[in-house]
Structure formats: C-alpha cells, structure tokens
Amino acid sequence: MEDIGFMCARCGGEVHDVTHNREGSLDGVGYRHNRRVEPWDHELELAVGEPAEQDPCCDFCGADGPSWLYYPTLDPDDTDMFEVELDTTHLSDDDTAVAVLNMLYPWYACDTCSVLVADRNVDVLIDRALDVTPVPAEGPVDETTARARLQGSFSVFFTTRPGRPQPSRAV
C-alpha cells in the first residue's frame, strides 16, 4: 500500500500540519512544506497523494549532497516546556510555527555552510541561500520576507545546536 498523505501538488514535496497555539488556546491549523524554511519560489498547493522522495540537500542554502549533520540538543520528551530565544520580529504565525518545529529535527549542511555555521556568520548564510535560490521577481513573497524567514529559522538553529556537526553519512 502506498504511503498516502498531504503533499504539495506543485513540487511533490511532503507537507505537515502545523497548529497555532497561543496561551493554551488553539488558534488554527495550517499546512507547510516539510523543509527548514518555507520555499519562496512557490506557494503551497495542498493535495493528497504520495509525496515524492527527496534527496537530502543543505538546509541552509539548498545545495545538493550535504556533508554534515547537526543533531538537535533539545529533547522535547525530556520536558513539557522549554524556552528558546527566537527572533520572530518579521515572521507570520505560520513562519513562527515552522521555526519552532525546526528545533526538533536534524539539519544538513554543505561544506561551505558548515564553515559559516562554525563562524556563526548568519548574514553570509542568508546571502548564500538567496544566491543559490534567488527570490523570483513575480514570486509569492519578496526578498525581505525570504530574509525574515531565513533569519527566524537560523536563529532557532543557533539556539538549539551549539555542538559540532557529525558527518552526514552517519544517518
């Protein structure tokens, strides 16, 4: 039997549901691509089907063949609540929810981004991501929004992964 679930009809990628909670109340449910940062080249086109298997790529810039893997340092089963400094200044509720989910999964990095991570050079990581995948002029979001999404996701990464990476072949 096929593994039927939510997917994006545009890219074939896996989709996850995201609940929005504020102070103990459910504000709503949304759907997002299963990526570290919601793509800025197309909007999600929700469909039901079998998501396409995707090869790992760098979660910072999108380059193929990542060499490094950063495991999360937070254990969500260890405590019901944990606090993380998260810069959500320019993020929507959907983008904030995705940034929080990023705390729970390992991140892949290419050689170049791994060096930038070691240097904690967020601005150059963001520039590299936008160089590898430029924001389309007629896209669903502008470059300012894409930069804000990257800033939010990367701030979660740096808050929850202070350790050294492992070779990605360890997966």
N, C-alpha and C. Protein backbone atom coordinates (compact mmCIF):
# COMPACT_ATOMS: atom_id res chain seq x y z
N MET A 1 0.84 -1.19 0.00
CA MET A 1 0.00 0.00 0.00
C MET A 1 0.88 1.24 0.00
N GLU A 2 0.48 2.20 -0.78
CA GLU A 2 1.23 3.45 -0.87
C GLU A 2 1.08 4.26 0.42
N ASP A 3 2.06 5.11 0.69
CA ASP A 3 2.01 5.97 1.87
C ASP A 3 1.34 7.28 1.47
N ILE A 4 0.02 7.32 1.54
CA ILE A 4 -0.75 8.49 1.13
C ILE A 4 -0.74 9.50 2.27
N GLY A 5 -0.57 10.76 1.90
CA GLY A 5 -0.58 11.83 2.88
C GLY A 5 -0.70 13.16 2.19
N PHE A 6 -0.46 14.22 2.92
CA PHE A 6 -0.50 15.55 2.32
C PHE A 6 0.79 15.81 1.57
N MET A 7 0.66 16.48 0.45
CA MET A 7 1.81 16.82 -0.39
C MET A 7 1.52 18.14 -1.10
N CYS A 8 2.56 18.72 -1.67
CA CYS A 8 2.40 19.92 -2.49
C CYS A 8 2.24 19.48 -3.94
N ALA A 9 1.14 19.87 -4.56
CA ALA A 9 0.90 19.49 -5.95
C ALA A 9 1.91 20.15 -6.88
N ARG A 10 2.50 21.26 -6.47
CA ARG A 10 3.45 21.99 -7.30
C ARG A 10 4.82 21.32 -7.37
N CYS A 11 5.37 20.93 -6.18
CA CYS A 11 6.73 20.37 -6.15
C CYS A 11 6.77 18.90 -5.77
N GLY A 12 5.64 18.33 -5.33
CA GLY A 12 5.61 16.93 -4.94
C GLY A 12 6.16 16.67 -3.56
N GLY A 13 6.56 17.73 -2.84
CA GLY A 13 7.16 17.58 -1.52
C GLY A 13 6.15 17.25 -0.44
N GLU A 14 6.66 16.66 0.65
CA GLU A 14 5.84 16.30 1.79
C GLU A 14 5.36 17.56 2.51
N VAL A 15 4.17 17.49 3.06
CA VAL A 15 3.56 18.61 3.76
C VAL A 15 3.19 18.16 5.17
N HIS A 16 3.35 19.05 6.14
CA HIS A 16 2.97 18.78 7.52
C HIS A 16 1.92 19.77 7.97
N ASP A 17 1.08 19.32 8.91
CA ASP A 17 0.12 20.26 9.50
C ASP A 17 0.79 20.92 10.70
N VAL A 18 0.45 22.18 10.92
CA VAL A 18 1.04 22.98 11.98
C VAL A 18 -0.10 23.63 12.75
N THR A 19 -0.13 23.38 14.07
CA THR A 19 -1.16 24.02 14.89
C THR A 19 -0.61 25.32 15.45
N HIS A 20 -1.47 26.29 15.59
CA HIS A 20 -1.10 27.60 16.13
C HIS A 20 -1.75 27.74 17.50
N ASN A 21 -0.92 27.72 18.52
CA ASN A 21 -1.41 27.84 19.89
C ASN A 21 -0.85 29.09 20.54
N ARG A 22 -1.69 29.80 21.22
CA ARG A 22 -1.25 30.96 21.99
C ARG A 22 -1.92 30.89 23.35
N GLU A 23 -1.12 30.83 24.38
CA GLU A 23 -1.61 30.83 25.76
C GLU A 23 -2.71 29.81 25.98
N GLY A 24 -2.47 28.57 25.55
CA GLY A 24 -3.38 27.47 25.84
C GLY A 24 -4.59 27.35 24.95
N SER A 25 -4.72 28.17 23.91
CA SER A 25 -5.88 28.03 23.03
C SER A 25 -5.42 27.72 21.62
N LEU A 26 -6.22 26.93 20.93
CA LEU A 26 -5.92 26.58 19.55
C LEU A 26 -6.44 27.69 18.64
N ASP A 27 -5.53 28.37 17.96
CA ASP A 27 -5.92 29.47 17.07
C ASP A 27 -6.23 28.99 15.66
N GLY A 28 -5.67 27.85 15.28
CA GLY A 28 -5.93 27.35 13.93
C GLY A 28 -4.92 26.29 13.54
N VAL A 29 -5.14 25.72 12.36
CA VAL A 29 -4.24 24.71 11.80
C VAL A 29 -3.84 25.17 10.42
N GLY A 30 -2.56 25.05 10.11
CA GLY A 30 -2.08 25.40 8.79
C GLY A 30 -1.27 24.25 8.21
N TYR A 31 -0.87 24.38 6.98
CA TYR A 31 -0.09 23.34 6.31
C TYR A 31 1.16 23.98 5.73
N ARG A 32 2.31 23.30 5.86
CA ARG A 32 3.59 23.81 5.42
C ARG A 32 4.39 22.72 4.72
N HIS A 33 5.29 23.13 3.84
CA HIS A 33 6.25 22.20 3.27
C HIS A 33 7.11 21.62 4.40
N ASN A 34 7.56 20.39 4.23
CA ASN A 34 8.45 19.77 5.21
C ASN A 34 9.89 20.17 4.89
N ARG A 35 10.18 21.42 5.06
CA ARG A 35 11.51 21.97 4.81
C ARG A 35 11.86 22.91 5.95
N ARG A 36 13.15 23.19 6.07
CA ARG A 36 13.58 24.07 7.16
C ARG A 36 13.01 25.48 7.00
N VAL A 37 12.91 25.96 5.79
CA VAL A 37 12.35 27.28 5.52
C VAL A 37 11.33 27.09 4.40
N GLU A 38 10.15 27.64 4.59
CA GLU A 38 9.12 27.52 3.56
C GLU A 38 9.65 28.11 2.25
N PRO A 39 9.51 27.36 1.15
CA PRO A 39 10.06 27.87 -0.13
C PRO A 39 9.48 29.22 -0.50
N TRP A 40 10.33 30.04 -1.10
CA TRP A 40 9.86 31.36 -1.51
C TRP A 40 9.64 31.42 -3.02
N ASP A 41 9.87 30.29 -3.73
CA ASP A 41 9.68 30.31 -5.18
C ASP A 41 8.27 29.90 -5.58
N HIS A 42 7.50 29.30 -4.65
CA HIS A 42 6.11 28.96 -4.95
C HIS A 42 5.32 28.81 -3.66
N GLU A 43 4.02 29.02 -3.77
CA GLU A 43 3.14 28.81 -2.63
C GLU A 43 2.75 27.34 -2.57
N LEU A 44 2.42 26.89 -1.39
CA LEU A 44 1.98 25.52 -1.19
C LEU A 44 0.65 25.29 -1.91
N GLU A 45 0.59 24.22 -2.70
CA GLU A 45 -0.65 23.80 -3.34
C GLU A 45 -1.01 22.46 -2.74
N LEU A 46 -1.82 22.49 -1.68
CA LEU A 46 -2.13 21.31 -0.89
C LEU A 46 -2.87 20.26 -1.73
N ALA A 47 -2.40 19.02 -1.63
CA ALA A 47 -3.02 17.90 -2.34
C ALA A 47 -2.85 16.65 -1.48
N VAL A 48 -3.60 15.62 -1.80
CA VAL A 48 -3.47 14.33 -1.13
C VAL A 48 -2.85 13.37 -2.13
N GLY A 49 -1.83 12.66 -1.67
CA GLY A 49 -1.14 11.72 -2.56
C GLY A 49 0.09 11.16 -1.88
N GLU A 50 0.96 10.59 -2.67
CA GLU A 50 2.20 10.04 -2.15
C GLU A 50 3.32 11.04 -2.41
N PRO A 51 3.83 11.70 -1.36
CA PRO A 51 4.89 12.68 -1.57
C PRO A 51 6.11 12.05 -2.22
N ALA A 52 6.78 12.82 -3.06
CA ALA A 52 7.98 12.34 -3.75
C ALA A 52 9.13 12.23 -2.76
N GLU A 53 9.91 11.17 -2.89
CA GLU A 53 11.11 11.01 -2.08
C GLU A 53 12.12 12.06 -2.53
N GLN A 54 12.70 12.79 -1.58
CA GLN A 54 13.64 13.84 -1.93
C GLN A 54 15.00 13.54 -1.35
N ASP A 55 16.04 13.73 -2.15
CA ASP A 55 17.40 13.55 -1.67
C ASP A 55 17.73 14.66 -0.69
N PRO A 56 18.57 14.34 0.31
CA PRO A 56 18.96 15.39 1.25
C PRO A 56 19.70 16.53 0.53
N CYS A 57 19.44 17.72 0.99
CA CYS A 57 20.17 18.88 0.49
C CYS A 57 20.51 19.75 1.70
N CYS A 58 21.38 20.70 1.50
CA CYS A 58 21.79 21.59 2.58
C CYS A 58 20.56 22.38 3.04
N ASP A 59 20.29 22.32 4.34
CA ASP A 59 19.14 23.04 4.89
C ASP A 59 19.38 24.54 5.01
N PHE A 60 20.61 24.97 4.76
CA PHE A 60 20.94 26.39 4.82
C PHE A 60 20.83 27.04 3.45
N CYS A 61 21.40 26.40 2.42
CA CYS A 61 21.44 27.04 1.10
C CYS A 61 20.73 26.24 0.01
N GLY A 62 20.42 24.98 0.27
CA GLY A 62 19.73 24.16 -0.72
C GLY A 62 20.65 23.41 -1.66
N ALA A 63 21.98 23.48 -1.46
CA ALA A 63 22.93 22.77 -2.32
C ALA A 63 22.76 21.26 -2.16
N ASP A 64 23.00 20.52 -3.24
CA ASP A 64 22.92 19.06 -3.21
C ASP A 64 24.10 18.45 -2.47
N GLY A 65 23.91 17.24 -1.99
CA GLY A 65 25.00 16.48 -1.39
C GLY A 65 25.59 17.06 -0.14
N PRO A 66 24.79 17.30 0.90
CA PRO A 66 25.35 17.85 2.14
C PRO A 66 26.31 16.87 2.80
N SER A 67 27.33 17.39 3.44
CA SER A 67 28.36 16.56 4.06
C SER A 67 28.23 16.47 5.57
N TRP A 68 27.46 17.35 6.19
CA TRP A 68 27.42 17.46 7.64
C TRP A 68 26.00 17.43 8.16
N LEU A 69 25.86 16.92 9.39
CA LEU A 69 24.55 16.81 10.02
C LEU A 69 24.65 17.35 11.45
N TYR A 70 23.73 18.25 11.79
CA TYR A 70 23.67 18.82 13.13
C TYR A 70 22.44 18.26 13.84
N TYR A 71 22.67 17.55 14.93
CA TYR A 71 21.56 16.99 15.70
C TYR A 71 21.04 18.03 16.69
N PRO A 72 19.73 18.00 16.98
CA PRO A 72 19.20 18.95 17.97
C PRO A 72 19.73 18.63 19.36
N THR A 73 19.88 19.65 20.17
CA THR A 73 20.34 19.45 21.53
C THR A 73 19.17 19.47 22.52
N LEU A 74 17.98 19.79 22.03
CA LEU A 74 16.80 19.78 22.89
C LEU A 74 16.09 18.45 22.75
N ASP A 75 15.60 17.92 23.84
CA ASP A 75 14.83 16.69 23.82
C ASP A 75 13.40 17.02 24.23
N PRO A 76 12.48 17.09 23.26
CA PRO A 76 11.11 17.50 23.59
C PRO A 76 10.41 16.53 24.53
N ASP A 77 10.88 15.26 24.61
CA ASP A 77 10.28 14.29 25.53
C ASP A 77 10.79 14.48 26.95
N ASP A 78 11.87 15.23 27.09
CA ASP A 78 12.50 15.41 28.39
C ASP A 78 11.74 16.41 29.26
N THR A 79 11.01 17.29 28.64
CA THR A 79 10.28 18.33 29.37
C THR A 79 9.05 18.75 28.58
N ASP A 80 8.05 19.21 29.28
CA ASP A 80 6.83 19.68 28.61
C ASP A 80 7.03 21.07 28.01
N MET A 81 7.94 21.84 28.60
CA MET A 81 8.16 23.20 28.12
C MET A 81 9.64 23.49 28.09
N PHE A 82 10.06 24.21 27.09
CA PHE A 82 11.42 24.70 27.05
C PHE A 82 11.40 26.06 26.39
N GLU A 83 12.36 26.89 26.74
CA GLU A 83 12.39 28.25 26.22
C GLU A 83 13.54 28.41 25.26
N VAL A 84 13.28 29.09 24.16
CA VAL A 84 14.28 29.34 23.14
C VAL A 84 14.16 30.80 22.74
N GLU A 85 15.30 31.48 22.63
CA GLU A 85 15.28 32.85 22.12
C GLU A 85 15.08 32.77 20.61
N LEU A 86 13.96 33.28 20.15
CA LEU A 86 13.60 33.19 18.74
C LEU A 86 13.24 34.58 18.24
N ASP A 87 13.94 35.04 17.23
CA ASP A 87 13.66 36.34 16.65
C ASP A 87 12.50 36.19 15.67
N THR A 88 11.30 36.54 16.11
CA THR A 88 10.10 36.42 15.27
C THR A 88 9.58 37.79 14.84
N THR A 89 10.43 38.78 14.89
CA THR A 89 10.04 40.16 14.61
C THR A 89 9.26 40.31 13.31
N HIS A 90 9.74 39.70 12.24
CA HIS A 90 9.10 39.87 10.93
C HIS A 90 8.43 38.60 10.43
N LEU A 91 8.16 37.64 11.35
CA LEU A 91 7.57 36.37 10.94
C LEU A 91 6.07 36.33 11.19
N SER A 92 5.35 35.71 10.27
CA SER A 92 3.92 35.47 10.48
C SER A 92 3.77 34.32 11.48
N ASP A 93 2.53 34.05 11.90
CA ASP A 93 2.29 32.92 12.80
C ASP A 93 2.73 31.61 12.16
N ASP A 94 2.44 31.43 10.86
CA ASP A 94 2.85 30.21 10.15
C ASP A 94 4.36 30.06 10.17
N ASP A 95 5.08 31.12 9.84
CA ASP A 95 6.54 31.05 9.80
C ASP A 95 7.12 30.82 11.19
N THR A 96 6.50 31.39 12.21
CA THR A 96 6.97 31.17 13.58
C THR A 96 6.78 29.71 13.97
N ALA A 97 5.64 29.13 13.63
CA ALA A 97 5.38 27.72 13.96
C ALA A 97 6.40 26.81 13.28
N VAL A 98 6.72 27.09 12.03
CA VAL A 98 7.71 26.28 11.32
C VAL A 98 9.08 26.44 11.96
N ALA A 99 9.44 27.64 12.35
CA ALA A 99 10.73 27.87 13.00
C ALA A 99 10.83 27.06 14.29
N VAL A 100 9.73 26.98 15.04
CA VAL A 100 9.74 26.19 16.27
C VAL A 100 9.89 24.70 15.95
N LEU A 101 9.21 24.21 14.92
CA LEU A 101 9.34 22.81 14.53
C LEU A 101 10.78 22.48 14.13
N ASN A 102 11.51 23.45 13.63
CA ASN A 102 12.90 23.23 13.23
C ASN A 102 13.79 22.83 14.39
N MET A 103 13.34 23.07 15.61
CA MET A 103 14.14 22.69 16.78
C MET A 103 14.21 21.19 16.94
N LEU A 104 13.24 20.47 16.41
CA LEU A 104 13.10 19.05 16.72
C LEU A 104 13.77 18.12 15.72
N TYR A 105 14.30 18.62 14.63
CA TYR A 105 14.84 17.77 13.58
C TYR A 105 16.29 18.11 13.28
N PRO A 106 17.09 17.12 12.84
CA PRO A 106 18.47 17.42 12.46
C PRO A 106 18.54 18.29 11.21
N TRP A 107 19.61 19.04 11.08
CA TRP A 107 19.84 19.91 9.93
C TRP A 107 21.04 19.39 9.14
N TYR A 108 20.94 19.39 7.82
CA TYR A 108 22.06 19.07 6.93
C TYR A 108 22.77 20.36 6.54
N ALA A 109 24.10 20.25 6.31
CA ALA A 109 24.87 21.41 5.84
C ALA A 109 25.91 20.94 4.81
N CYS A 110 26.10 21.77 3.78
CA CYS A 110 27.18 21.53 2.82
C CYS A 110 28.49 22.01 3.47
N ASP A 111 29.61 21.74 2.83
CA ASP A 111 30.91 22.13 3.39
C ASP A 111 30.99 23.64 3.63
N THR A 112 30.55 24.42 2.64
CA THR A 112 30.63 25.88 2.75
C THR A 112 29.77 26.40 3.91
N CYS A 113 28.54 25.93 3.98
CA CYS A 113 27.65 26.41 5.05
C CYS A 113 28.13 25.93 6.42
N SER A 114 28.74 24.75 6.48
CA SER A 114 29.26 24.26 7.76
C SER A 114 30.34 25.20 8.31
N VAL A 115 31.17 25.73 7.42
CA VAL A 115 32.19 26.70 7.84
C VAL A 115 31.52 27.99 8.32
N LEU A 116 30.49 28.44 7.60
CA LEU A 116 29.77 29.64 8.00
C LEU A 116 29.04 29.44 9.33
N VAL A 117 28.53 28.22 9.56
CA VAL A 117 27.89 27.90 10.84
C VAL A 117 28.93 27.96 11.95
N ALA A 118 30.10 27.37 11.72
CA ALA A 118 31.16 27.40 12.75
C ALA A 118 31.55 28.83 13.10
N ASP A 119 31.52 29.72 12.10
CA ASP A 119 31.83 31.13 12.32
C ASP A 119 30.62 31.92 12.82
N ARG A 120 29.46 31.26 12.87
CA ARG A 120 28.20 31.90 13.26
C ARG A 120 27.91 33.14 12.41
N ASN A 121 28.16 33.01 11.13
CA ASN A 121 28.02 34.11 10.18
C ASN A 121 26.64 34.04 9.52
N VAL A 122 25.61 34.46 10.24
CA VAL A 122 24.24 34.36 9.78
C VAL A 122 23.99 35.19 8.53
N ASP A 123 24.53 36.40 8.47
CA ASP A 123 24.29 37.26 7.32
C ASP A 123 24.80 36.64 6.02
N VAL A 124 25.98 36.01 6.07
CA VAL A 124 26.52 35.38 4.86
C VAL A 124 25.74 34.09 4.54
N LEU A 125 25.27 33.37 5.57
CA LEU A 125 24.42 32.20 5.32
C LEU A 125 23.15 32.61 4.57
N ILE A 126 22.55 33.70 5.00
CA ILE A 126 21.33 34.19 4.34
C ILE A 126 21.64 34.61 2.91
N ASP A 127 22.73 35.36 2.72
CA ASP A 127 23.12 35.77 1.36
C ASP A 127 23.36 34.56 0.47
N ARG A 128 24.04 33.54 1.01
CA ARG A 128 24.33 32.33 0.23
C ARG A 128 23.02 31.63 -0.17
N ALA A 129 22.09 31.50 0.78
CA ALA A 129 20.81 30.85 0.47
C ALA A 129 20.09 31.57 -0.66
N LEU A 130 20.12 32.90 -0.63
CA LEU A 130 19.43 33.68 -1.66
C LEU A 130 20.20 33.70 -2.98
N ASP A 131 21.51 33.46 -2.94
CA ASP A 131 22.29 33.32 -4.17
C ASP A 131 21.99 31.98 -4.85
N VAL A 132 21.91 30.91 -4.04
CA VAL A 132 21.64 29.58 -4.59
C VAL A 132 20.21 29.49 -5.10
N THR A 133 19.26 30.06 -4.35
CA THR A 133 17.85 30.07 -4.75
C THR A 133 17.35 31.50 -4.69
N PRO A 134 17.52 32.25 -5.78
CA PRO A 134 17.08 33.65 -5.78
C PRO A 134 15.56 33.78 -5.63
N VAL A 135 15.15 34.89 -5.08
CA VAL A 135 13.72 35.18 -4.95
C VAL A 135 13.21 35.65 -6.32
N PRO A 136 12.23 34.93 -6.90
CA PRO A 136 11.70 35.34 -8.20
C PRO A 136 11.01 36.70 -8.13
N ALA A 137 11.17 37.50 -9.17
CA ALA A 137 10.55 38.84 -9.20
C ALA A 137 9.03 38.75 -9.08
N GLU A 138 8.45 37.73 -9.68
CA GLU A 138 6.98 37.58 -9.66
C GLU A 138 6.56 36.51 -8.65
N GLY A 139 7.40 36.19 -7.70
CA GLY A 139 7.11 35.13 -6.72
C GLY A 139 6.08 35.53 -5.69
N PRO A 140 5.69 34.57 -4.85
CA PRO A 140 4.66 34.83 -3.85
C PRO A 140 5.11 35.72 -2.70
N VAL A 141 6.44 35.83 -2.48
CA VAL A 141 6.96 36.69 -1.42
C VAL A 141 8.13 37.51 -1.96
N ASP A 142 8.44 38.60 -1.28
CA ASP A 142 9.57 39.42 -1.70
C ASP A 142 10.84 39.00 -0.94
N GLU A 143 11.96 39.60 -1.28
CA GLU A 143 13.23 39.24 -0.67
C GLU A 143 13.26 39.55 0.82
N THR A 144 12.60 40.61 1.25
CA THR A 144 12.56 40.96 2.67
C THR A 144 11.89 39.84 3.47
N THR A 145 10.80 39.29 2.95
CA THR A 145 10.11 38.19 3.62
C THR A 145 10.97 36.94 3.64
N ALA A 146 11.63 36.63 2.53
CA ALA A 146 12.51 35.46 2.48
C ALA A 146 13.65 35.61 3.50
N ARG A 147 14.23 36.79 3.58
CA ARG A 147 15.30 37.04 4.56
C ARG A 147 14.79 36.87 5.99
N ALA A 148 13.57 37.34 6.26
CA ALA A 148 12.99 37.21 7.60
C ALA A 148 12.77 35.73 7.95
N ARG A 149 12.31 34.94 6.97
CA ARG A 149 12.12 33.51 7.20
C ARG A 149 13.45 32.83 7.50
N LEU A 150 14.46 33.16 6.73
CA LEU A 150 15.78 32.59 6.96
C LEU A 150 16.32 33.00 8.32
N GLN A 151 16.19 34.27 8.67
CA GLN A 151 16.67 34.77 9.96
C GLN A 151 16.00 34.03 11.11
N GLY A 152 14.68 33.84 11.01
CA GLY A 152 13.94 33.14 12.06
C GLY A 152 14.37 31.69 12.19
N SER A 153 14.47 30.98 11.08
CA SER A 153 14.88 29.57 11.13
C SER A 153 16.31 29.42 11.61
N PHE A 154 17.20 30.28 11.14
CA PHE A 154 18.60 30.18 11.54
C PHE A 154 18.78 30.55 13.02
N SER A 155 17.96 31.48 13.53
CA SER A 155 18.07 31.81 14.95
C SER A 155 17.68 30.62 15.81
N VAL A 156 16.69 29.83 15.36
CA VAL A 156 16.34 28.60 16.07
C VAL A 156 17.50 27.63 16.01
N PHE A 157 18.08 27.48 14.84
CA PHE A 157 19.22 26.56 14.69
C PHE A 157 20.33 26.90 15.67
N PHE A 158 20.77 28.14 15.69
CA PHE A 158 21.90 28.52 16.52
C PHE A 158 21.58 28.45 18.02
N THR A 159 20.31 28.58 18.37
CA THR A 159 19.91 28.48 19.76
C THR A 159 19.89 27.02 20.24
N THR A 160 19.57 26.10 19.33
CA THR A 160 19.36 24.71 19.73
C THR A 160 20.47 23.76 19.32
N ARG A 161 21.50 24.23 18.60
CA ARG A 161 22.57 23.35 18.14
C ARG A 161 23.95 23.97 18.34
N PRO A 162 24.38 24.08 19.57
CA PRO A 162 25.68 24.70 19.80
C PRO A 162 26.86 23.76 19.55
N GLY A 163 26.59 22.47 19.38
CA GLY A 163 27.67 21.49 19.25
C GLY A 163 28.26 21.39 17.86
N ARG A 164 29.18 20.45 17.71
CA ARG A 164 29.84 20.22 16.43
C ARG A 164 28.99 19.30 15.56
N PRO A 165 29.13 19.42 14.24
CA PRO A 165 28.36 18.55 13.35
C PRO A 165 28.96 17.15 13.28
N GLN A 166 28.15 16.23 12.80
CA GLN A 166 28.58 14.86 12.51
C GLN A 166 28.61 14.69 11.00
N PRO A 167 29.48 13.80 10.48
CA PRO A 167 29.42 13.55 9.03
C PRO A 167 28.03 13.04 8.67
N SER A 168 27.47 13.50 7.55
CA SER A 168 26.10 13.14 7.20
C SER A 168 25.97 11.67 6.86
N ARG A 169 27.05 10.99 6.55
CA ARG A 169 26.96 9.55 6.26
C ARG A 169 26.56 8.75 7.49
N ALA A 170 26.59 9.40 8.67
CA ALA A 170 26.21 8.73 9.91
C ALA A 170 24.71 8.49 10.00
N VAL A 171 23.94 9.10 9.11
CA VAL A 171 22.47 8.96 9.13
C VAL A 171 22.08 7.57 8.70
